[in-house]
């Protein structure tokens, strides 16, 4: 696994360099059907990653934000789960909160996760049972034990959560989750349907750093499902994960009940 992680990390660096070379330049962009942004660099990185990663593990299936889904992946025990640029809005606005996200999922669980955020000079790697690092330094989630004062990446906090402390919020959800791994945030929570490619690499990084990770109702996250989505994600310092689930679960159920 160490050799595989090193090979994938190198591919991620090359993909990050490809994206960085066009960052803050005039790139073609558009809105997808769900109103999320995409650009020509998303597609270029996706093509590069598919070619390189398929050569590294030709037996693995493929699930990517920028590739039409195929049921073939459901027949594979291993699957690459990819977001070529997580945080495209920040990429297009010239902000630093974006990253190349690569996960290798085996039997429904991430076993390798890599984030490359070249605009931030950050290279994140985790392997199942092998811990998580940023730029080669081991990561450990916060030891916080109470929700009050928890650091949350947010532009603004709702009144009900004013006991939290807002910290810098990158657009990419993967980088926000990674902040929990790096003890730069204590809690990240979403209350919407999200895709596997948004979080697969980051939840392994957070989990290997000791964080608690689940969906918005506290259930374990599983990957390479027929519908590759989950309702929400909670990544938190281990001492507050259960309390975070308790606080958020009622809101999650209200959203689900519509």
C-alpha atoms as a PDB file:
ATOM      1  CA  UNK A   1       0.000   0.000   0.000  1.00  0.00           C
ATOM      2  CA  UNK A   2       2.875   2.406   0.685  1.00  0.00           C
ATOM      3  CA  UNK A   3       4.171   1.982  -2.867  1.00  0.00           C
ATOM      4  CA  UNK A   4       0.675   2.440  -4.285  1.00  0.00           C
ATOM      5  CA  UNK A   5       0.132   5.556  -2.173  1.00  0.00           C
ATOM      6  CA  UNK A   6       3.418   7.045  -3.371  1.00  0.00           C
ATOM      7  CA  UNK A   7       2.516   6.383  -7.009  1.00  0.00           C
ATOM      8  CA  UNK A   8      -0.954   7.910  -6.634  1.00  0.00           C
ATOM      9  CA  UNK A   9       0.409  10.903  -4.728  1.00  0.00           C
ATOM     10  CA  UNK A  10       2.777  11.568  -7.624  1.00  0.00           C
ATOM     11  CA  UNK A  11      -0.079  11.410 -10.114  1.00  0.00           C
ATOM     12  CA  UNK A  12      -2.063  13.794  -7.913  1.00  0.00           C
ATOM     13  CA  UNK A  13       0.853  16.248  -7.841  1.00  0.00           C
ATOM     14  CA  UNK A  14       1.047  16.163 -11.628  1.00  0.00           C
ATOM     15  CA  UNK A  15      -2.698  16.699 -11.905  1.00  0.00           C
ATOM     16  CA  UNK A  16      -2.468  19.563  -9.430  1.00  0.00           C
ATOM     17  CA  UNK A  17       0.344  21.119 -11.451  1.00  0.00           C
ATOM     18  CA  UNK A  18      -1.746  20.835 -14.621  1.00  0.00           C
ATOM     19  CA  UNK A  19      -4.609  22.700 -12.924  1.00  0.00           C
ATOM     20  CA  UNK A  20      -2.322  25.248 -11.278  1.00  0.00           C
ATOM     21  CA  UNK A  21      -0.756  26.174 -14.618  1.00  0.00           C
ATOM     22  CA  UNK A  22      -4.159  27.485 -15.803  1.00  0.00           C
ATOM     23  CA  UNK A  23      -5.349  28.876 -12.465  1.00  0.00           C
ATOM     24  CA  UNK A  24      -6.109  32.594 -12.582  1.00  0.00           C
ATOM     25  CA  UNK A  25      -6.140  32.533 -16.380  1.00  0.00           C
ATOM     26  CA  UNK A  26      -9.036  32.787 -18.811  1.00  0.00           C
ATOM     27  CA  UNK A  27     -10.521  29.279 -18.881  1.00  0.00           C
ATOM     28  CA  UNK A  28     -13.802  28.197 -20.433  1.00  0.00           C
ATOM     29  CA  UNK A  29     -16.476  27.494 -17.819  1.00  0.00           C
ATOM     30  CA  UNK A  30     -20.192  26.688 -17.700  1.00  0.00           C
ATOM     31  CA  UNK A  31     -22.980  25.661 -15.337  1.00  0.00           C
ATOM     32  CA  UNK A  32     -24.116  22.045 -15.226  1.00  0.00           C
ATOM     33  CA  UNK A  33     -27.728  20.923 -14.969  1.00  0.00           C
ATOM     34  CA  UNK A  34     -27.619  21.130 -11.174  1.00  0.00           C
ATOM     35  CA  UNK A  35     -26.212  24.708 -11.390  1.00  0.00           C
ATOM     36  CA  UNK A  36     -22.780  23.632 -10.148  1.00  0.00           C
ATOM     37  CA  UNK A  37     -19.847  25.068 -12.112  1.00  0.00           C
ATOM     38  CA  UNK A  38     -17.471  23.180 -14.384  1.00  0.00           C
ATOM     39  CA  UNK A  39     -14.608  24.234 -16.580  1.00  0.00           C
ATOM     40  CA  UNK A  40     -12.293  22.909 -19.247  1.00  0.00           C
ATOM     41  CA  UNK A  41      -9.627  22.166 -16.622  1.00  0.00           C
ATOM     42  CA  UNK A  42     -11.997  19.829 -14.748  1.00  0.00           C
ATOM     43  CA  UNK A  43     -12.223  17.767 -17.929  1.00  0.00           C
ATOM     44  CA  UNK A  44      -8.507  17.922 -18.715  1.00  0.00           C
ATOM     45  CA  UNK A  45      -7.578  16.750 -15.219  1.00  0.00           C
ATOM     46  CA  UNK A  46     -10.219  14.023 -15.370  1.00  0.00           C
ATOM     47  CA  UNK A  47      -8.790  12.658 -18.621  1.00  0.00           C
ATOM     48  CA  UNK A  48      -5.251  12.728 -17.273  1.00  0.00           C
ATOM     49  CA  UNK A  49      -6.232  10.988 -14.037  1.00  0.00           C
ATOM     50  CA  UNK A  50      -8.197   8.258 -15.783  1.00  0.00           C
ATOM     51  CA  UNK A  51      -5.284   7.413 -18.057  1.00  0.00           C
ATOM     52  CA  UNK A  52      -2.695   7.403 -15.280  1.00  0.00           C
ATOM     53  CA  UNK A  53      -4.718   5.711 -12.547  1.00  0.00           C
ATOM     54  CA  UNK A  54      -6.117   3.043 -14.854  1.00  0.00           C
ATOM     55  CA  UNK A  55      -2.531   2.136 -15.696  1.00  0.00           C
ATOM     56  CA  UNK A  56      -1.668   1.840 -11.999  1.00  0.00           C
ATOM     57  CA  UNK A  57      -4.700  -0.348 -11.148  1.00  0.00           C
ATOM     58  CA  UNK A  58      -6.341  -1.626 -14.346  1.00  0.00           C
ATOM     59  CA  UNK A  59      -8.697  -3.875 -12.372  1.00  0.00           C
ATOM     60  CA  UNK A  60     -10.351  -0.918 -10.622  1.00  0.00           C
ATOM     61  CA  UNK A  61     -13.601   0.638 -11.759  1.00  0.00           C
ATOM     62  CA  UNK A  62     -14.124   4.364 -12.232  1.00  0.00           C
ATOM     63  CA  UNK A  63     -16.446   6.911 -10.619  1.00  0.00           C
ATOM     64  CA  UNK A  64     -15.771  10.575 -11.284  1.00  0.00           C
ATOM     65  CA  UNK A  65     -17.728  13.800 -11.182  1.00  0.00           C
ATOM     66  CA  UNK A  66     -16.707  14.568 -14.745  1.00  0.00           C
ATOM     67  CA  UNK A  67     -17.249  11.148 -16.366  1.00  0.00           C
ATOM     68  CA  UNK A  68     -20.594   9.586 -17.290  1.00  0.00           C
ATOM     69  CA  UNK A  69     -21.333   6.895 -14.713  1.00  0.00           C
ATOM     70  CA  UNK A  70     -21.270   3.241 -15.738  1.00  0.00           C
ATOM     71  CA  UNK A  71     -22.772   0.261 -13.946  1.00  0.00           C
ATOM     72  CA  UNK A  72     -19.554  -1.597 -14.727  1.00  0.00           C
ATOM     73  CA  UNK A  73     -18.026  -0.145 -11.537  1.00  0.00           C
ATOM     74  CA  UNK A  74     -20.544  -2.099  -9.465  1.00  0.00           C
ATOM     75  CA  UNK A  75     -18.955  -5.332 -10.648  1.00  0.00           C
ATOM     76  CA  UNK A  76     -15.514  -4.313  -9.366  1.00  0.00           C
ATOM     77  CA  UNK A  77     -14.222  -4.831  -5.840  1.00  0.00           C
ATOM     78  CA  UNK A  78     -11.939  -1.814  -6.260  1.00  0.00           C
ATOM     79  CA  UNK A  79     -13.013   1.553  -7.672  1.00  0.00           C
ATOM     80  CA  UNK A  80     -11.286   4.897  -8.198  1.00  0.00           C
ATOM     81  CA  UNK A  81     -13.510   7.688  -6.846  1.00  0.00           C
ATOM     82  CA  UNK A  82     -12.399  11.012  -8.282  1.00  0.00           C
ATOM     83  CA  UNK A  83     -13.142  14.713  -8.157  1.00  0.00           C
ATOM     84  CA  UNK A  84     -10.732  16.323 -10.635  1.00  0.00           C
ATOM     85  CA  UNK A  85     -11.164  19.720  -8.991  1.00  0.00           C
ATOM     86  CA  UNK A  86     -13.101  19.809  -5.742  1.00  0.00           C
ATOM     87  CA  UNK A  87     -13.945  23.450  -5.181  1.00  0.00           C
ATOM     88  CA  UNK A  88     -14.319  24.576  -8.792  1.00  0.00           C
ATOM     89  CA  UNK A  89     -15.969  27.814  -7.657  1.00  0.00           C
ATOM     90  CA  UNK A  90     -12.819  28.820  -5.784  1.00  0.00           C
ATOM     91  CA  UNK A  91     -10.699  27.705  -8.741  1.00  0.00           C
ATOM     92  CA  UNK A  92     -12.647  29.944 -11.128  1.00  0.00           C
ATOM     93  CA  UNK A  93     -12.620  32.875  -8.707  1.00  0.00           C
ATOM     94  CA  UNK A  94      -8.862  32.684  -8.257  1.00  0.00           C
ATOM     95  CA  UNK A  95      -9.154  31.545  -4.641  1.00  0.00           C
ATOM     96  CA  UNK A  96      -7.047  28.815  -3.059  1.00  0.00           C
ATOM     97  CA  UNK A  97      -9.761  26.520  -1.668  1.00  0.00           C
ATOM     98  CA  UNK A  98      -9.636  23.772  -4.321  1.00  0.00           C
ATOM     99  CA  UNK A  99      -7.935  20.400  -4.586  1.00  0.00           C
ATOM    100  CA  UNK A 100      -7.563  17.325  -6.745  1.00  0.00           C
ATOM    101  CA  UNK A 101      -9.280  14.490  -4.879  1.00  0.00           C
ATOM    102  CA  UNK A 102      -8.434  10.817  -5.452  1.00  0.00           C
ATOM    103  CA  UNK A 103      -9.703   7.837  -3.469  1.00  0.00           C
ATOM    104  CA  UNK A 104      -9.349   4.124  -4.024  1.00  0.00           C
ATOM    105  CA  UNK A 105     -12.347   2.278  -2.602  1.00  0.00           C
ATOM    106  CA  UNK A 106     -12.254  -1.432  -1.859  1.00  0.00           C
ATOM    107  CA  UNK A 107     -15.407  -3.365  -0.963  1.00  0.00           C
ATOM    108  CA  UNK A 108     -17.225  -0.147  -0.128  1.00  0.00           C
ATOM    109  CA  UNK A 109     -14.533   1.491   2.008  1.00  0.00           C
ATOM    110  CA  UNK A 110     -11.764   3.945   1.090  1.00  0.00           C
ATOM    111  CA  UNK A 111      -8.331   2.356   1.466  1.00  0.00           C
ATOM    112  CA  UNK A 112      -6.311   5.191  -0.070  1.00  0.00           C
ATOM    113  CA  UNK A 113      -7.035   8.912  -0.127  1.00  0.00           C
ATOM    114  CA  UNK A 114      -5.025  11.728  -1.657  1.00  0.00           C
ATOM    115  CA  UNK A 115      -5.744  15.454  -1.868  1.00  0.00           C
ATOM    116  CA  UNK A 116      -3.438  17.742  -3.794  1.00  0.00           C
ATOM    117  CA  UNK A 117      -4.023  21.450  -3.184  1.00  0.00           C
ATOM    118  CA  UNK A 118      -1.172  23.150  -5.051  1.00  0.00           C
ATOM    119  CA  UNK A 119      -2.437  26.709  -4.581  1.00  0.00           C
ATOM    120  CA  UNK A 120      -2.093  26.090  -0.828  1.00  0.00           C
ATOM    121  CA  UNK A 121       1.117  24.074  -1.080  1.00  0.00           C
ATOM    122  CA  UNK A 122      -0.637  21.116   0.586  1.00  0.00           C
ATOM    123  CA  UNK A 123      -0.338  17.429  -0.263  1.00  0.00           C
ATOM    124  CA  UNK A 124      -2.481  15.077   1.844  1.00  0.00           C
ATOM    125  CA  UNK A 125      -2.182  11.281   1.889  1.00  0.00           C
ATOM    126  CA  UNK A 126      -3.904   8.569   3.935  1.00  0.00           C
ATOM    127  CA  UNK A 127      -4.008   4.791   3.781  1.00  0.00           C
ATOM    128  CA  UNK A 128      -6.356   2.542   5.731  1.00  0.00           C
ATOM    129  CA  UNK A 129      -4.620   1.625   8.962  1.00  0.00           C
ATOM    130  CA  UNK A 130      -1.554   3.667   7.974  1.00  0.00           C
ATOM    131  CA  UNK A 131      -2.466   7.102   9.269  1.00  0.00           C
ATOM    132  CA  UNK A 132      -2.732  10.425   7.462  1.00  0.00           C
ATOM    133  CA  UNK A 133      -0.160  13.071   6.588  1.00  0.00           C
ATOM    134  CA  UNK A 134       0.032  16.559   5.152  1.00  0.00           C
ATOM    135  CA  UNK A 135       3.309  17.376   3.449  1.00  0.00           C
ATOM    136  CA  UNK A 136       4.778  14.336   5.186  1.00  0.00           C
ATOM    137  CA  UNK A 137       3.747  15.358   8.714  1.00  0.00           C
ATOM    138  CA  UNK A 138       1.440  13.019  10.645  1.00  0.00           C
ATOM    139  CA  UNK A 139      -2.023  14.411  11.364  1.00  0.00           C
ATOM    140  CA  UNK A 140      -4.041  14.172  14.579  1.00  0.00           C
ATOM    141  CA  UNK A 141      -7.568  15.482  15.064  1.00  0.00           C
ATOM    142  CA  UNK A 142      -8.450  17.817  17.913  1.00  0.00           C
ATOM    143  CA  UNK A 143      -8.834  16.595  21.482  1.00  0.00           C
ATOM    144  CA  UNK A 144     -11.855  18.877  22.062  1.00  0.00           C
ATOM    145  CA  UNK A 145     -14.498  17.349  24.353  1.00  0.00           C
ATOM    146  CA  UNK A 146     -17.328  19.911  24.219  1.00  0.00           C
ATOM    147  CA  UNK A 147     -19.341  21.421  21.370  1.00  0.00           C
ATOM    148  CA  UNK A 148     -19.241  24.970  22.724  1.00  0.00           C
ATOM    149  CA  UNK A 149     -16.348  26.790  21.101  1.00  0.00           C
ATOM    150  CA  UNK A 150     -15.882  24.184  18.355  1.00  0.00           C
ATOM    151  CA  UNK A 151     -14.164  25.592  15.269  1.00  0.00           C
ATOM    152  CA  UNK A 152     -16.323  25.279  12.157  1.00  0.00           C
ATOM    153  CA  UNK A 153     -15.324  26.356   8.620  1.00  0.00           C
ATOM    154  CA  UNK A 154     -18.130  28.775   7.760  1.00  0.00           C
ATOM    155  CA  UNK A 155     -18.814  32.133   6.138  1.00  0.00           C
ATOM    156  CA  UNK A 156     -21.431  32.777   8.825  1.00  0.00           C
ATOM    157  CA  UNK A 157     -23.030  30.700  11.565  1.00  0.00           C
ATOM    158  CA  UNK A 158     -26.808  30.285  11.993  1.00  0.00           C
ATOM    159  CA  UNK A 159     -28.253  31.615  15.242  1.00  0.00           C
ATOM    160  CA  UNK A 160     -28.762  28.083  16.581  1.00  0.00           C
ATOM    161  CA  UNK A 161     -25.024  27.411  16.263  1.00  0.00           C
ATOM    162  CA  UNK A 162     -23.644  30.669  17.618  1.00  0.00           C
ATOM    163  CA  UNK A 163     -21.763  28.742  20.309  1.00  0.00           C
ATOM    164  CA  UNK A 164     -19.397  27.599  17.551  1.00  0.00           C
ATOM    165  CA  UNK A 165     -16.448  29.620  16.269  1.00  0.00           C
ATOM    166  CA  UNK A 166     -16.265  30.307  12.536  1.00  0.00           C
ATOM    167  CA  UNK A 167     -12.901  29.743  10.859  1.00  0.00           C
ATOM    168  CA  UNK A 168     -11.745  30.116   7.247  1.00  0.00           C
ATOM    169  CA  UNK A 169     -13.908  28.127   4.821  1.00  0.00           C
ATOM    170  CA  UNK A 170     -12.441  26.826   1.562  1.00  0.00           C
ATOM    171  CA  UNK A 171     -15.071  26.177  -1.096  1.00  0.00           C
ATOM    172  CA  UNK A 172     -14.071  22.529  -1.502  1.00  0.00           C
ATOM    173  CA  UNK A 173     -15.746  20.214   1.018  1.00  0.00           C
ATOM    174  CA  UNK A 174     -12.751  17.889   0.838  1.00  0.00           C
ATOM    175  CA  UNK A 175     -10.424  20.578   2.189  1.00  0.00           C
ATOM    176  CA  UNK A 176     -12.912  21.484   4.925  1.00  0.00           C
ATOM    177  CA  UNK A 177     -13.003  17.868   6.086  1.00  0.00           C
ATOM    178  CA  UNK A 178      -9.212  17.705   5.894  1.00  0.00           C
ATOM    179  CA  UNK A 179      -9.066  20.699   8.237  1.00  0.00           C
ATOM    180  CA  UNK A 180     -10.584  18.452  10.920  1.00  0.00           C
ATOM    181  CA  UNK A 181      -7.778  15.959  10.334  1.00  0.00           C
ATOM    182  CA  UNK A 182      -5.195  18.725  10.726  1.00  0.00           C
ATOM    183  CA  UNK A 183      -6.687  20.128  13.968  1.00  0.00           C
ATOM    184  CA  UNK A 184      -7.565  23.362  12.154  1.00  0.00           C
ATOM    185  CA  UNK A 185     -11.290  22.750  12.638  1.00  0.00           C
ATOM    186  CA  UNK A 186     -13.270  20.683  15.108  1.00  0.00           C
ATOM    187  CA  UNK A 187     -16.431  20.058  13.121  1.00  0.00           C
ATOM    188  CA  UNK A 188     -17.681  19.977   9.548  1.00  0.00           C
ATOM    189  CA  UNK A 189     -21.309  19.063   8.872  1.00  0.00           C
ATOM    190  CA  UNK A 190     -23.525  19.209   5.795  1.00  0.00           C
ATOM    191  CA  UNK A 191     -27.272  18.699   5.517  1.00  0.00           C
ATOM    192  CA  UNK A 192     -27.773  17.912   1.853  1.00  0.00           C
ATOM    193  CA  UNK A 193     -27.307  15.074  -0.588  1.00  0.00           C
ATOM    194  CA  UNK A 194     -23.689  14.903  -1.675  1.00  0.00           C
ATOM    195  CA  UNK A 195     -21.745  12.702  -4.049  1.00  0.00           C
ATOM    196  CA  UNK A 196     -19.169  10.112  -3.120  1.00  0.00           C
ATOM    197  CA  UNK A 197     -16.459  11.859  -5.112  1.00  0.00           C
ATOM    198  CA  UNK A 198     -16.828  14.960  -2.931  1.00  0.00           C
ATOM    199  CA  UNK A 199     -15.762  13.187   0.249  1.00  0.00           C
ATOM    200  CA  UNK A 200     -14.234   9.752  -0.352  1.00  0.00           C
ATOM    201  CA  UNK A 201     -10.585  10.811  -0.048  1.00  0.00           C
ATOM    202  CA  UNK A 202     -11.167  13.365   2.693  1.00  0.00           C
ATOM    203  CA  UNK A 203     -13.145  11.099   5.029  1.00  0.00           C
ATOM    204  CA  UNK A 204     -10.310   8.575   4.988  1.00  0.00           C
ATOM    205  CA  UNK A 205      -7.816  11.328   5.766  1.00  0.00           C
ATOM    206  CA  UNK A 206      -9.976  12.540   8.654  1.00  0.00           C
ATOM    207  CA  UNK A 207     -10.669   9.043   9.955  1.00  0.00           C
ATOM    208  CA  UNK A 208      -7.001   8.064   9.855  1.00  0.00           C
ATOM    209  CA  UNK A 209      -6.215  11.231  11.836  1.00  0.00           C
ATOM    210  CA  UNK A 210      -8.606  10.008  14.534  1.00  0.00           C
ATOM    211  CA  UNK A 211     -11.704  12.037  13.661  1.00  0.00           C
ATOM    212  CA  UNK A 212     -15.216  10.659  13.857  1.00  0.00           C
ATOM    213  CA  UNK A 213     -16.870  10.484  10.430  1.00  0.00           C
ATOM    214  CA  UNK A 214     -20.455   9.592   9.460  1.00  0.00           C
ATOM    215  CA  UNK A 215     -23.403  10.730   7.409  1.00  0.00           C
ATOM    216  CA  UNK A 216     -25.714  13.411   8.813  1.00  0.00           C
ATOM    217  CA  UNK A 217     -27.646  10.837  10.855  1.00  0.00           C
ATOM    218  CA  UNK A 218     -24.559   9.208  12.325  1.00  0.00           C
ATOM    219  CA  UNK A 219     -24.502   6.167  10.064  1.00  0.00           C
ATOM    220  CA  UNK A 220     -21.253   4.893   8.509  1.00  0.00           C
ATOM    221  CA  UNK A 221     -20.455   6.097   5.012  1.00  0.00           C
ATOM    222  CA  UNK A 222     -20.291   3.456   2.286  1.00  0.00           C
ATOM    223  CA  UNK A 223     -18.962   3.931  -1.223  1.00  0.00           C
ATOM    224  CA  UNK A 224     -19.453   2.563  -4.728  1.00  0.00           C
ATOM    225  CA  UNK A 225     -23.185   2.258  -4.255  1.00  0.00           C
ATOM    226  CA  UNK A 226     -25.628   2.126  -7.174  1.00  0.00           C
ATOM    227  CA  UNK A 227     -26.716   5.668  -6.299  1.00  0.00           C
ATOM    228  CA  UNK A 228     -23.346   7.212  -5.405  1.00  0.00           C
ATOM    229  CA  UNK A 229     -24.697   9.718  -2.911  1.00  0.00           C
ATOM    230  CA  UNK A 230     -25.085  10.086   0.834  1.00  0.00           C
ATOM    231  CA  UNK A 231     -27.225  12.460   2.856  1.00  0.00           C
ATOM    232  CA  UNK A 232     -24.784  14.792   4.524  1.00  0.00           C
ATOM    233  CA  UNK A 233     -21.470  14.208   6.199  1.00  0.00           C
ATOM    234  CA  UNK A 234     -20.208  14.876   9.715  1.00  0.00           C
ATOM    235  CA  UNK A 235     -16.483  14.954  10.409  1.00  0.00           C
ATOM    236  CA  UNK A 236     -15.584  15.932  13.926  1.00  0.00           C
ATOM    237  CA  UNK A 237     -13.041  15.668  16.677  1.00  0.00           C
ATOM    238  CA  UNK A 238     -13.647  12.230  18.211  1.00  0.00           C
ATOM    239  CA  UNK A 239     -14.730  13.685  21.543  1.00  0.00           C
ATOM    240  CA  UNK A 240     -17.599  15.675  20.021  1.00  0.00           C
ATOM    241  CA  UNK A 241     -18.757  13.503  17.129  1.00  0.00           C
ATOM    242  CA  UNK A 242     -21.632  11.885  19.034  1.00  0.00           C
ATOM    243  CA  UNK A 243     -22.781  15.255  20.378  1.00  0.00           C
ATOM    244  CA  UNK A 244     -22.614  16.745  16.893  1.00  0.00           C
ATOM    245  CA  UNK A 245     -24.800  13.940  15.533  1.00  0.00           C
ATOM    246  CA  UNK A 246     -27.309  14.540  18.331  1.00  0.00           C
ATOM    247  CA  UNK A 247     -27.454  18.265  17.598  1.00  0.00           C
ATOM    248  CA  UNK A 248     -27.789  17.879  13.849  1.00  0.00           C
ATOM    249  CA  UNK A 249     -29.922  14.736  13.499  1.00  0.00           C
ATOM    250  CA  UNK A 250     -33.298  16.449  13.995  1.00  0.00           C
ATOM    251  CA  UNK A 251     -32.445  19.042  11.361  1.00  0.00           C
ATOM    252  CA  UNK A 252     -31.321  16.274   9.025  1.00  0.00           C
ATOM    253  CA  UNK A 253     -34.605  14.401   9.464  1.00  0.00           C
ATOM    254  CA  UNK A 254     -36.587  17.587   8.785  1.00  0.00           C
ATOM    255  CA  UNK A 255     -34.722  18.065   5.507  1.00  0.00           C
ATOM    256  CA  UNK A 256     -35.231  14.441   4.534  1.00  0.00           C
ATOM    257  CA  UNK A 257     -38.943  14.591   5.397  1.00  0.00           C
ATOM    258  CA  UNK A 258     -39.139  17.706   3.251  1.00  0.00           C
END
